[in-house]
Amino acid sequence: MIKLSEILPHLIHQFKSENDLIRAIDEISNKFTKERNKIGDYLKDPRLVAAYTAFYLLTNIPKLEEVLKWLPGAWMKELKNCDFIDLGAGPGTFSLAWKGLGIGNGDFYQVEQSELMRQQGLLLWKGFHQEKLYQGAKWEWKNDRPKFLLFGHSANEMGSDEAIRYIEKINPEHILFIEPGTKDFFPEMLKIRTYLLNHQHSVLFPCSNVLSCPMQNKDDWCHQFIHIKQDSEIERISQMARKDRKLLPLTVHAYSRNFKGENPQERLVRVFPETKFSLEWEICHLNQLERYQIMKRDLSSKEIKDLGAVLAGASIESELLKELDQYNRVKILKVK
């Protein structure tokens, strides 16, 4: 895990103090939440680009590691000989994370429109790796190796139409989306999902390859949660900036054109408040939404605690005990 103290020497702007960094993080946060119409302004300011890099890069790296635990191990082996394409790369968060995991043997590409972000990404790459990094605002091929395309918090910014145009141009064998787990983005993700399933891609996560989604016409959205452990340095910065980066909602989708995984039949999509007698979950079961009830009387204290800590996004296996009008009473056999 990269530490904040290791990142600081490679920032495009050097902060005078910890408090100076915190103030810059607060400015960016306000643009993301309160001043969305000015969100692009930070890309023109080296100080804010550096603050974004110092905070969000370090909190997104463990996010990738946790996401990969959900994905088929056999698929990960397929990615080893692919070129890695970080689309909308920003300062290269996911390029550094992927390289640090030692998975890929191909070339690394960062496609990013912001010149300052590209400069910051190059500084970081040179600070940690010796291999050549290909960068640009547009895409240029260097070889004919298979391609792994990653959208890391970028499809939500460009929208589904532009994301699909990139997919058509790059023509990747494998695609991974790690996006904010927001209601606003979900319809855009569904449009991309529909396009990919109609163009010879199989979905590996989170759902089955059935074209329709049970939330397609609902005032609801499918997303996941991960709980990550931060390095002590970034944990301190998070506390000072009053940012919770431990429990993170996100939208993760994975697709492949030439690899078909065995999709779980049951995926947890929502955890309802516990009752005195039971745990209540909403499950996507073969692309149908069902409500599961797990009775506490049938569980040990440890089992209740363990199941109470399960987050949306987990795959499960269950045994139907009783089919009732509003829910299915089940026994949980396995959680992954």
Protein backbone atom coordinates (compact mmCIF):
# COMPACT_ATOMS: atom_id res chain seq x y z
CA MET A 1 0.00 0.00 0.00
CA ILE A 2 1.39 3.41 -1.04
CA LYS A 3 1.61 5.90 1.81
CA LEU A 4 0.82 9.60 1.77
CA SER A 5 4.41 10.47 2.70
CA GLU A 6 5.55 8.58 -0.43
CA ILE A 7 3.13 10.48 -2.65
CA LEU A 8 3.90 14.01 -1.43
CA PRO A 9 7.32 14.44 -3.15
CA HIS A 10 5.73 13.62 -6.52
CA LEU A 11 2.86 16.12 -6.40
CA ILE A 12 2.62 18.88 -8.98
CA HIS A 13 2.23 21.37 -6.09
CA GLN A 14 4.05 21.19 -2.76
CA PHE A 15 1.87 21.98 0.25
CA LYS A 16 3.34 24.10 3.03
CA SER A 17 1.64 22.15 5.80
CA GLU A 18 -0.91 19.46 6.59
CA ASN A 19 -3.52 22.16 7.20
CA ASP A 20 -2.78 23.65 3.78
CA LEU A 21 -3.57 20.25 2.23
CA ILE A 22 -6.77 19.91 4.28
CA ARG A 23 -8.01 23.31 3.08
CA ALA A 24 -7.44 22.31 -0.53
CA ILE A 25 -9.29 19.00 -0.01
CA ASP A 26 -12.23 20.97 1.44
CA GLU A 27 -12.28 23.22 -1.64
CA ILE A 28 -12.47 20.21 -3.96
CA SER A 29 -15.17 18.58 -1.84
CA ASN A 30 -17.29 21.74 -2.07
CA LYS A 31 -16.97 21.71 -5.87
CA PHE A 32 -18.05 18.07 -5.97
CA THR A 33 -21.08 18.60 -3.71
CA LYS A 34 -22.17 22.26 -3.54
CA GLU A 35 -20.76 23.80 -6.71
CA ARG A 36 -21.28 21.10 -9.32
CA ASN A 37 -21.52 23.76 -12.06
CA LYS A 38 -17.89 24.69 -11.30
CA ILE A 39 -16.59 21.15 -10.88
CA GLY A 40 -14.18 21.43 -13.81
CA ASP A 41 -12.43 24.50 -12.37
CA TYR A 42 -10.13 22.44 -10.15
CA LEU A 43 -8.53 20.89 -13.25
CA LYS A 44 -6.94 24.28 -14.03
CA ASP A 45 -5.35 24.72 -10.60
CA PRO A 46 -2.13 22.75 -9.78
CA ARG A 47 -2.80 23.11 -6.06
CA LEU A 48 -6.24 21.47 -6.30
CA VAL A 49 -5.02 18.80 -8.71
CA ALA A 50 -2.32 17.92 -6.17
CA ALA A 51 -4.83 17.82 -3.32
CA TYR A 52 -7.18 15.62 -5.33
CA THR A 53 -4.26 13.28 -6.04
CA ALA A 54 -3.03 13.12 -2.44
CA PHE A 55 -6.46 12.27 -1.03
CA TYR A 56 -8.47 10.41 -3.64
CA LEU A 57 -5.64 8.41 -5.18
CA LEU A 58 -4.76 6.85 -1.84
CA THR A 59 -8.37 6.07 -0.96
CA ASN A 60 -9.13 4.59 -4.39
CA ILE A 61 -6.17 2.21 -4.52
CA PRO A 62 -7.56 -0.09 -1.79
CA LYS A 63 -10.96 0.24 -3.47
CA LEU A 64 -9.60 -1.51 -6.57
CA GLU A 65 -8.08 -4.28 -4.46
CA GLU A 66 -11.44 -4.96 -2.79
CA VAL A 67 -13.35 -4.86 -6.09
CA LEU A 68 -11.03 -7.46 -7.63
CA LYS A 69 -11.96 -9.92 -4.87
CA TRP A 70 -15.47 -10.05 -6.36
CA LEU A 71 -14.29 -10.98 -9.85
CA PRO A 72 -13.56 -14.47 -11.25
CA GLY A 73 -10.00 -15.60 -10.64
CA ALA A 74 -9.84 -17.21 -14.08
CA TRP A 75 -10.76 -13.86 -15.65
CA MET A 76 -7.92 -12.14 -13.81
CA LYS A 77 -5.51 -14.56 -15.48
CA GLU A 78 -6.96 -13.55 -18.85
CA LEU A 79 -6.04 -9.92 -18.12
CA LYS A 80 -2.33 -10.61 -17.53
CA ASN A 81 -1.30 -10.26 -21.16
CA CYS A 82 -3.59 -7.33 -21.96
CA ASP A 83 -2.61 -3.71 -22.39
CA PHE A 84 -4.12 -1.69 -19.54
CA ILE A 85 -6.10 1.39 -20.60
CA ASP A 86 -6.99 3.87 -17.84
CA LEU A 87 -9.74 5.95 -19.48
CA GLY A 88 -10.39 9.33 -17.89
CA ALA A 89 -7.30 8.53 -15.88
CA GLY A 90 -7.03 11.71 -13.81
CA PRO A 91 -3.67 11.45 -12.01
CA GLY A 92 -3.43 7.74 -12.85
CA THR A 93 -4.98 6.33 -9.68
CA PHE A 94 -6.00 3.01 -11.15
CA SER A 95 -2.90 2.70 -13.36
CA LEU A 96 -0.70 2.88 -10.27
CA ALA A 97 -2.97 0.50 -8.38
CA TRP A 98 -3.05 -2.05 -11.20
CA LYS A 99 0.71 -1.85 -11.72
CA GLY A 100 1.29 -2.16 -7.98
CA LEU A 101 -0.74 -5.36 -7.85
CA GLY A 102 1.62 -6.88 -10.42
CA ILE A 103 -1.18 -8.33 -12.52
CA GLY A 104 -0.54 -6.94 -16.01
CA ASN A 105 2.39 -7.67 -18.35
CA GLY A 106 1.24 -5.38 -21.16
CA ASP A 107 1.73 -1.67 -21.78
CA PHE A 108 0.03 1.01 -19.67
CA TYR A 109 -2.01 3.82 -21.24
CA GLN A 110 -3.58 6.84 -19.60
CA VAL A 111 -6.21 8.69 -21.62
CA GLU A 112 -6.96 12.04 -19.96
CA GLN A 113 -8.15 15.38 -21.32
CA SER A 114 -6.68 17.59 -18.59
CA GLU A 115 -3.07 18.56 -19.25
CA LEU A 116 -2.42 19.19 -15.54
CA MET A 117 -3.75 15.75 -14.65
CA ARG A 118 -1.52 14.17 -17.29
CA GLN A 119 1.49 16.02 -15.87
CA GLN A 120 0.58 14.85 -12.38
CA GLY A 121 0.07 11.29 -13.59
CA LEU A 122 3.47 11.24 -15.28
CA LEU A 123 5.23 12.58 -12.17
CA LEU A 124 3.70 9.81 -10.07
CA TRP A 125 4.44 7.09 -12.58
CA LYS A 126 8.09 8.09 -12.88
CA GLY A 127 8.31 8.28 -9.10
CA PHE A 128 7.22 4.66 -8.63
CA HIS A 129 7.91 2.76 -11.87
CA GLN A 130 10.59 2.49 -14.54
CA GLU A 131 8.42 1.12 -17.35
CA LYS A 132 7.23 3.43 -20.12
CA LEU A 133 3.84 5.06 -19.72
CA TYR A 134 1.79 6.09 -22.75
CA GLN A 135 -0.33 9.19 -22.23
CA GLY A 136 -2.57 11.41 -24.29
CA ALA A 137 -5.87 13.24 -24.63
CA LYS A 138 -6.73 10.99 -27.58
CA TRP A 139 -6.21 7.31 -28.24
CA GLU A 140 -3.32 6.00 -30.31
CA TRP A 141 -2.48 2.31 -30.68
CA LYS A 142 1.05 1.05 -30.23
CA ASN A 143 0.48 -2.70 -30.78
CA ASP A 144 -2.16 -5.35 -31.41
CA ARG A 145 -2.28 -6.98 -27.97
CA PRO A 146 -5.70 -7.58 -26.38
CA LYS A 147 -6.98 -4.61 -24.41
CA PHE A 148 -8.38 -4.24 -20.90
CA LEU A 149 -10.32 -0.98 -20.56
CA LEU A 150 -11.01 0.47 -17.12
CA PHE A 151 -13.45 3.29 -16.42
CA GLY A 152 -12.41 4.56 -12.99
CA HIS A 153 -14.91 7.23 -11.94
CA SER A 154 -14.99 8.47 -15.54
CA ALA A 155 -18.09 6.99 -17.21
CA ASN A 156 -20.28 8.96 -14.79
CA GLU A 157 -18.61 12.19 -15.90
CA MET A 158 -18.67 11.57 -19.67
CA GLY A 159 -22.09 9.88 -19.80
CA SER A 160 -23.19 6.70 -21.55
CA ASP A 161 -23.07 8.01 -25.13
CA GLU A 162 -19.43 9.09 -24.92
CA ALA A 163 -18.46 5.97 -22.97
CA ILE A 164 -19.96 3.82 -25.72
CA ARG A 165 -18.11 5.81 -28.39
CA TYR A 166 -14.82 5.07 -26.59
CA ILE A 167 -15.72 1.39 -26.37
CA GLU A 168 -16.45 1.29 -30.10
CA LYS A 169 -13.17 3.03 -30.93
CA ILE A 170 -10.92 1.05 -28.58
CA ASN A 171 -12.71 -2.29 -29.11
CA PRO A 172 -11.47 -3.85 -25.84
CA GLU A 173 -11.73 -7.55 -25.03
CA HIS A 174 -12.39 -6.80 -21.36
CA ILE A 175 -14.01 -3.85 -19.55
CA LEU A 176 -14.30 -2.91 -15.88
CA PHE A 177 -16.36 -0.02 -14.50
CA ILE A 178 -15.70 1.33 -10.99
CA GLU A 179 -18.09 4.26 -10.63
CA PRO A 180 -19.90 6.16 -7.86
CA GLY A 181 -22.81 4.22 -6.41
CA THR A 182 -25.34 6.96 -7.15
CA LYS A 183 -28.95 6.87 -8.28
CA ASP A 184 -28.19 9.46 -10.98
CA PHE A 185 -25.56 7.31 -12.69
CA PHE A 186 -27.49 4.03 -12.63
CA PRO A 187 -29.64 4.71 -15.77
CA GLU A 188 -26.44 5.56 -17.68
CA MET A 189 -24.85 2.29 -16.55
CA LEU A 190 -27.93 0.40 -17.73
CA LYS A 191 -27.60 1.95 -21.21
CA ILE A 192 -23.96 0.84 -21.37
CA ARG A 193 -24.92 -2.62 -20.11
CA THR A 194 -27.58 -2.98 -22.79
CA TYR A 195 -25.13 -1.90 -25.50
CA LEU A 196 -22.46 -4.37 -24.39
CA LEU A 197 -24.84 -7.33 -24.10
CA ASN A 198 -26.10 -6.51 -27.60
CA HIS A 199 -22.52 -6.43 -28.93
CA GLN A 200 -21.10 -9.83 -28.00
CA HIS A 201 -20.00 -9.05 -24.44
CA SER A 202 -20.91 -11.16 -21.43
CA VAL A 203 -21.44 -9.62 -18.03
CA LEU A 204 -19.21 -11.09 -15.31
CA PHE A 205 -20.36 -8.87 -12.45
CA PRO A 206 -22.76 -8.12 -10.83
CA CYS A 207 -25.61 -9.79 -12.69
CA SER A 208 -26.47 -12.55 -15.14
CA ASN A 209 -26.46 -12.17 -18.91
CA VAL A 210 -30.21 -11.67 -19.13
CA LEU A 211 -30.75 -8.46 -21.08
CA SER A 212 -33.48 -6.98 -18.88
CA CYS A 213 -32.72 -5.58 -15.42
CA PRO A 214 -35.39 -5.85 -12.70
CA MET A 215 -34.66 -2.25 -11.69
CA GLN A 216 -34.95 -0.93 -15.26
CA ASN A 217 -38.26 0.83 -14.68
CA LYS A 218 -38.12 1.28 -10.92
CA ASP A 219 -37.31 4.35 -8.86
CA ASP A 220 -34.36 2.45 -7.47
CA TRP A 221 -30.79 1.54 -8.35
CA CYS A 222 -28.37 -1.35 -7.98
CA HIS A 223 -25.03 -0.59 -6.34
CA GLN A 224 -22.53 -2.15 -4.01
CA PHE A 225 -20.69 -1.25 -0.82
CA ILE A 226 -17.15 -1.97 0.24
CA HIS A 227 -15.50 -1.48 3.59
CA ILE A 228 -11.82 -0.63 3.24
CA LYS A 229 -8.99 -0.15 5.68
CA GLN A 230 -6.94 2.96 5.03
CA ASP A 231 -3.29 3.58 5.79
CA SER A 232 -2.86 5.43 9.10
CA GLU A 233 -1.57 8.58 7.35
CA ILE A 234 -4.58 8.92 5.06
CA GLU A 235 -6.89 7.88 7.91
CA ARG A 236 -5.63 10.90 9.85
CA ILE A 237 -6.19 13.20 6.86
CA SER A 238 -9.70 11.77 6.39
CA GLN A 239 -10.56 12.49 10.01
CA MET A 240 -9.19 16.03 9.83
CA ALA A 241 -11.08 16.68 6.58
CA ARG A 242 -14.20 15.03 8.03
CA LYS A 243 -14.46 12.60 5.09
CA ASP A 244 -15.63 9.04 5.60
CA ARG A 245 -13.62 6.91 3.16
CA LYS A 246 -14.09 3.59 4.95
CA LEU A 247 -17.57 2.53 3.84
CA LEU A 248 -17.91 3.41 0.17
CA PRO A 249 -20.91 3.00 -2.16
CA LEU A 250 -19.95 2.20 -5.74
CA THR A 251 -21.25 0.82 -9.02
CA VAL A 252 -19.10 -2.02 -10.32
CA HIS A 253 -19.68 -3.79 -13.65
CA ALA A 254 -17.33 -6.18 -15.46
CA TYR A 255 -17.66 -7.44 -19.05
CA SER A 256 -15.74 -9.66 -21.43
CA ARG A 257 -16.06 -10.53 -25.10
CA ASN A 258 -14.20 -13.84 -24.97
CA PHE A 259 -14.54 -15.04 -21.38
CA LYS A 260 -17.72 -16.36 -19.81
CA GLY A 261 -17.78 -16.74 -16.07
CA GLU A 262 -20.22 -18.64 -13.89
CA ASN A 263 -22.40 -15.89 -12.51
CA PRO A 264 -23.87 -16.33 -9.03
CA GLN A 265 -27.61 -16.92 -9.05
CA GLU A 266 -28.17 -14.75 -5.97
CA ARG A 267 -26.68 -11.28 -5.43
CA LEU A 268 -27.40 -9.11 -2.39
CA VAL A 269 -28.55 -5.68 -3.60
CA ARG A 270 -29.98 -4.13 -0.44
CA VAL A 271 -29.78 -4.63 3.32
CA PHE A 272 -32.90 -3.58 5.19
CA PRO A 273 -32.88 -2.60 8.89
CA GLU A 274 -32.75 -5.59 11.19
CA THR A 275 -35.89 -6.51 13.08
CA LYS A 276 -35.95 -7.97 16.55
CA PHE A 277 -36.42 -11.42 15.06
CA SER A 278 -34.77 -11.39 11.66
CA LEU A 279 -32.34 -10.06 9.09
CA GLU A 280 -33.98 -8.72 5.93
CA TRP A 281 -32.27 -8.63 2.53
CA GLU A 282 -33.27 -7.78 -1.03
CA ILE A 283 -31.75 -10.24 -3.49
CA CYS A 284 -31.40 -10.20 -7.25
CA HIS A 285 -32.12 -13.88 -7.99
CA LEU A 286 -31.56 -14.62 -11.69
CA ASN A 287 -32.50 -11.01 -12.50
CA GLN A 288 -35.64 -11.08 -10.36
CA LEU A 289 -35.87 -9.08 -7.13
CA GLU A 290 -36.86 -11.07 -4.06
CA ARG A 291 -37.01 -10.24 -0.36
CA TYR A 292 -35.29 -12.73 1.94
CA GLN A 293 -35.91 -13.16 5.64
CA ILE A 294 -33.27 -14.87 7.80
CA MET A 295 -34.62 -15.80 11.22
CA LYS A 296 -32.27 -15.04 14.11
CA ARG A 297 -33.61 -17.92 16.21
CA ASP A 298 -31.89 -20.31 13.82
CA LEU A 299 -28.49 -18.62 14.19
CA SER A 300 -25.72 -18.39 16.77
CA SER A 301 -24.63 -14.98 18.05
CA LYS A 302 -21.55 -15.14 15.83
CA GLU A 303 -23.63 -16.02 12.77
CA ILE A 304 -25.96 -13.10 13.44
CA LYS A 305 -22.97 -10.77 13.76
CA ASP A 306 -21.30 -12.11 10.61
CA LEU A 307 -24.45 -11.91 8.49
CA GLY A 308 -25.19 -8.46 9.90
CA ALA A 309 -21.87 -7.26 8.50
CA VAL A 310 -22.55 -8.48 4.93
CA LEU A 311 -22.76 -5.61 2.44
CA ALA A 312 -24.64 -5.10 -0.81
CA GLY A 313 -22.69 -6.65 -3.67
CA ALA A 314 -22.00 -9.99 -2.00
CA SER A 315 -22.99 -13.20 -3.77
CA ILE A 316 -24.82 -15.73 -1.67
CA GLU A 317 -26.19 -19.25 -1.74
CA SER A 318 -29.39 -19.98 0.16
CA GLU A 319 -31.87 -22.72 0.92
CA LEU A 320 -35.58 -21.88 0.73
CA LEU A 321 -37.31 -22.77 4.00
CA LYS A 322 -40.73 -21.24 3.43
CA GLU A 323 -42.34 -19.18 0.69
CA LEU A 324 -44.55 -16.43 2.13
CA ASP A 325 -46.60 -13.65 0.53
CA GLN A 326 -44.12 -10.79 1.03
CA TYR A 327 -40.79 -12.61 1.31
CA ASN A 328 -38.97 -15.93 1.23
CA ARG A 329 -37.73 -17.29 4.50
CA VAL A 330 -34.30 -18.75 3.82
CA LYS A 331 -31.21 -20.30 5.34
CA ILE A 332 -27.92 -18.74 4.17
CA LEU A 333 -25.50 -21.45 3.08
CA LYS A 334 -22.63 -19.35 1.75
CA VAL A 335 -21.56 -15.71 1.42
CA LYS A 336 -18.78 -14.49 -0.87
